[in-house]
Amino acid sequence: MWLLKASELKRSVFAIQLFLDLAPAISSVFDCFFDRLFAYVLLLGLVTNFVILAACNASAILGCVRHILRR
């Protein structure tokens, strides 16, 4: 279970890093306001995905800690 969560987190971080590396190239090829706006909306979506995944991991960790403390 934890390995799956860790791999999802690594994929999200990799996707964000990849997008940050590609965003300047994309905006230079399509030097237009709407293309940049699309790039930033896509970045916002990736960051939102990362935050939701981090919140789910925190919730799972807290659930495990509560279970251990109840014993």
N, C-alpha and C. Protein backbone atom coordinates (compact mmCIF):
# COMPACT_ATOMS: atom_id res chain seq x y z
N MET A 1 0.82 -1.20 0.00
CA MET A 1 0.00 0.00 0.00
C MET A 1 0.86 1.25 0.00
N TRP A 2 1.87 1.27 0.87
CA TRP A 2 2.73 2.46 0.94
C TRP A 2 3.58 2.62 -0.30
N LEU A 3 4.01 1.48 -0.89
CA LEU A 3 4.81 1.58 -2.10
C LEU A 3 3.99 2.17 -3.24
N LEU A 4 2.72 1.83 -3.29
CA LEU A 4 1.85 2.38 -4.32
C LEU A 4 1.69 3.88 -4.13
N LYS A 5 1.49 4.31 -2.89
CA LYS A 5 1.35 5.74 -2.61
C LYS A 5 2.65 6.47 -2.95
N ALA A 6 3.78 5.89 -2.59
CA ALA A 6 5.07 6.52 -2.87
C ALA A 6 5.30 6.63 -4.38
N SER A 7 4.91 5.61 -5.12
CA SER A 7 5.11 5.66 -6.57
C SER A 7 4.18 6.71 -7.20
N GLU A 8 2.96 6.84 -6.67
CA GLU A 8 2.06 7.88 -7.18
C GLU A 8 2.63 9.26 -6.89
N LEU A 9 3.18 9.43 -5.72
CA LEU A 9 3.78 10.72 -5.36
C LEU A 9 4.97 11.02 -6.27
N LYS A 10 5.80 10.03 -6.54
CA LYS A 10 6.95 10.22 -7.43
C LYS A 10 6.49 10.58 -8.84
N ARG A 11 5.42 9.94 -9.31
CA ARG A 11 4.90 10.25 -10.65
C ARG A 11 4.37 11.68 -10.70
N SER A 12 3.70 12.12 -9.64
CA SER A 12 3.18 13.49 -9.63
C SER A 12 4.32 14.50 -9.63
N VAL A 13 5.35 14.24 -8.82
CA VAL A 13 6.49 15.14 -8.78
C VAL A 13 7.20 15.14 -10.13
N PHE A 14 7.36 13.98 -10.74
CA PHE A 14 8.00 13.90 -12.05
C PHE A 14 7.20 14.66 -13.09
N ALA A 15 5.87 14.54 -13.05
CA ALA A 15 5.02 15.24 -14.01
C ALA A 15 5.15 16.75 -13.86
N ILE A 16 5.19 17.21 -12.61
CA ILE A 16 5.34 18.65 -12.38
C ILE A 16 6.70 19.14 -12.86
N GLN A 17 7.76 18.39 -12.54
CA GLN A 17 9.09 18.78 -12.99
C GLN A 17 9.19 18.77 -14.51
N LEU A 18 8.61 17.76 -15.13
CA LEU A 18 8.62 17.68 -16.59
C LEU A 18 7.88 18.86 -17.20
N PHE A 19 6.73 19.19 -16.63
CA PHE A 19 5.97 20.32 -17.16
C PHE A 19 6.74 21.62 -16.98
N LEU A 20 7.37 21.82 -15.82
CA LEU A 20 8.12 23.05 -15.60
C LEU A 20 9.30 23.15 -16.57
N ASP A 21 9.88 22.02 -16.93
CA ASP A 21 10.96 22.02 -17.92
C ASP A 21 10.44 22.32 -19.32
N LEU A 22 9.24 21.83 -19.63
CA LEU A 22 8.70 22.00 -20.98
C LEU A 22 7.91 23.29 -21.17
N ALA A 23 7.44 23.91 -20.09
CA ALA A 23 6.60 25.10 -20.22
C ALA A 23 7.30 26.24 -20.98
N PRO A 24 8.58 26.56 -20.71
CA PRO A 24 9.22 27.63 -21.50
C PRO A 24 9.32 27.30 -22.99
N ALA A 25 9.60 26.04 -23.30
CA ALA A 25 9.68 25.64 -24.71
C ALA A 25 8.32 25.75 -25.38
N ILE A 26 7.28 25.33 -24.65
CA ILE A 26 5.93 25.42 -25.21
C ILE A 26 5.55 26.87 -25.44
N SER A 27 5.83 27.74 -24.46
CA SER A 27 5.43 29.14 -24.60
C SER A 27 6.27 29.86 -25.64
N SER A 28 7.51 29.41 -25.88
CA SER A 28 8.31 30.07 -26.91
C SER A 28 7.85 29.66 -28.31
N VAL A 29 7.42 28.40 -28.45
CA VAL A 29 6.91 27.96 -29.75
C VAL A 29 5.58 28.63 -30.05
N PHE A 30 4.69 28.65 -29.08
CA PHE A 30 3.37 29.28 -29.23
C PHE A 30 3.36 30.55 -28.40
N ASP A 31 3.95 31.60 -28.94
CA ASP A 31 4.08 32.85 -28.17
C ASP A 31 2.77 33.63 -28.28
N CYS A 32 1.80 33.20 -27.52
CA CYS A 32 0.48 33.80 -27.56
C CYS A 32 -0.09 33.80 -26.14
N PHE A 33 -0.92 34.80 -25.83
CA PHE A 33 -1.49 34.91 -24.49
C PHE A 33 -2.30 33.68 -24.10
N PHE A 34 -3.15 33.19 -25.00
CA PHE A 34 -4.01 32.07 -24.66
C PHE A 34 -3.23 30.78 -24.48
N ASP A 35 -2.14 30.62 -25.23
CA ASP A 35 -1.32 29.43 -25.05
C ASP A 35 -0.62 29.45 -23.69
N ARG A 36 -0.15 30.63 -23.30
CA ARG A 36 0.46 30.73 -21.96
C ARG A 36 -0.59 30.52 -20.88
N LEU A 37 -1.77 31.07 -21.10
CA LEU A 37 -2.85 30.87 -20.14
C LEU A 37 -3.16 29.38 -20.00
N PHE A 38 -3.22 28.66 -21.12
CA PHE A 38 -3.45 27.22 -21.08
C PHE A 38 -2.33 26.51 -20.32
N ALA A 39 -1.10 26.92 -20.55
CA ALA A 39 0.03 26.29 -19.86
C ALA A 39 -0.09 26.50 -18.35
N TYR A 40 -0.47 27.69 -17.92
CA TYR A 40 -0.59 27.95 -16.48
C TYR A 40 -1.80 27.23 -15.88
N VAL A 41 -2.88 27.09 -16.63
CA VAL A 41 -4.03 26.33 -16.14
C VAL A 41 -3.64 24.86 -15.99
N LEU A 42 -2.89 24.34 -16.94
CA LEU A 42 -2.41 22.96 -16.84
C LEU A 42 -1.49 22.79 -15.64
N LEU A 43 -0.61 23.75 -15.41
CA LEU A 43 0.26 23.71 -14.24
C LEU A 43 -0.56 23.74 -12.96
N LEU A 44 -1.58 24.57 -12.92
CA LEU A 44 -2.46 24.64 -11.75
C LEU A 44 -3.13 23.29 -11.50
N GLY A 45 -3.55 22.62 -12.56
CA GLY A 45 -4.14 21.30 -12.43
C GLY A 45 -3.16 20.28 -11.87
N LEU A 46 -1.92 20.33 -12.32
CA LEU A 46 -0.91 19.40 -11.81
C LEU A 46 -0.61 19.67 -10.33
N VAL A 47 -0.51 20.95 -9.97
CA VAL A 47 -0.25 21.29 -8.57
C VAL A 47 -1.43 20.87 -7.70
N THR A 48 -2.65 21.06 -8.20
CA THR A 48 -3.83 20.63 -7.45
C THR A 48 -3.81 19.12 -7.24
N ASN A 49 -3.45 18.38 -8.27
CA ASN A 49 -3.33 16.93 -8.17
C ASN A 49 -2.30 16.55 -7.11
N PHE A 50 -1.16 17.24 -7.09
CA PHE A 50 -0.12 16.97 -6.11
C PHE A 50 -0.62 17.25 -4.69
N VAL A 51 -1.35 18.36 -4.50
CA VAL A 51 -1.85 18.72 -3.16
C VAL A 51 -2.88 17.70 -2.69
N ILE A 52 -3.76 17.27 -3.58
CA ILE A 52 -4.76 16.27 -3.20
C ILE A 52 -4.09 14.96 -2.83
N LEU A 53 -3.09 14.55 -3.60
CA LEU A 53 -2.38 13.31 -3.31
C LEU A 53 -1.66 13.41 -1.96
N ALA A 54 -1.04 14.56 -1.69
CA ALA A 54 -0.36 14.76 -0.41
C ALA A 54 -1.37 14.71 0.75
N ALA A 55 -2.54 15.30 0.56
CA ALA A 55 -3.57 15.28 1.60
C ALA A 55 -4.06 13.85 1.84
N CYS A 56 -4.21 13.08 0.79
CA CYS A 56 -4.63 11.68 0.95
C CYS A 56 -3.58 10.88 1.70
N ASN A 57 -2.31 11.12 1.39
CA ASN A 57 -1.24 10.42 2.10
C ASN A 57 -1.23 10.81 3.57
N ALA A 58 -1.43 12.10 3.86
CA ALA A 58 -1.46 12.55 5.25
C ALA A 58 -2.63 11.92 5.99
N SER A 59 -3.77 11.83 5.33
CA SER A 59 -4.95 11.20 5.94
C SER A 59 -4.70 9.73 6.24
N ALA A 60 -4.06 9.04 5.30
CA ALA A 60 -3.76 7.61 5.50
C ALA A 60 -2.78 7.43 6.65
N ILE A 61 -1.78 8.29 6.73
CA ILE A 61 -0.79 8.20 7.82
C ILE A 61 -1.46 8.45 9.16
N LEU A 62 -2.32 9.48 9.23
CA LEU A 62 -3.02 9.77 10.48
C LEU A 62 -3.94 8.62 10.88
N GLY A 63 -4.58 7.99 9.91
CA GLY A 63 -5.43 6.83 10.20
C GLY A 63 -4.62 5.68 10.79
N CYS A 64 -3.44 5.44 10.25
CA CYS A 64 -2.57 4.38 10.78
C CYS A 64 -2.10 4.71 12.18
N VAL A 65 -1.74 5.97 12.41
CA VAL A 65 -1.28 6.39 13.74
C VAL A 65 -2.41 6.22 14.76
N ARG A 66 -3.62 6.62 14.40
CA ARG A 66 -4.77 6.45 15.31
C ARG A 66 -5.00 4.97 15.61
N HIS A 67 -4.89 4.13 14.60
CA HIS A 67 -5.09 2.70 14.79
C HIS A 67 -4.04 2.14 15.74
N ILE A 68 -2.80 2.56 15.58
CA ILE A 68 -1.72 2.08 16.45
C ILE A 68 -1.91 2.57 17.88
N LEU A 69 -2.34 3.84 18.04
CA LEU A 69 -2.50 4.40 19.38
C LEU A 69 -3.70 3.78 20.12
N ARG A 70 -4.68 3.27 19.40
CA ARG A 70 -5.83 2.65 20.05
C ARG A 70 -5.50 1.30 20.66
N ARG A 71 -4.43 0.68 20.19
CA ARG A 71 -4.05 -0.65 20.70
C ARG A 71 -3.51 -0.58 22.08
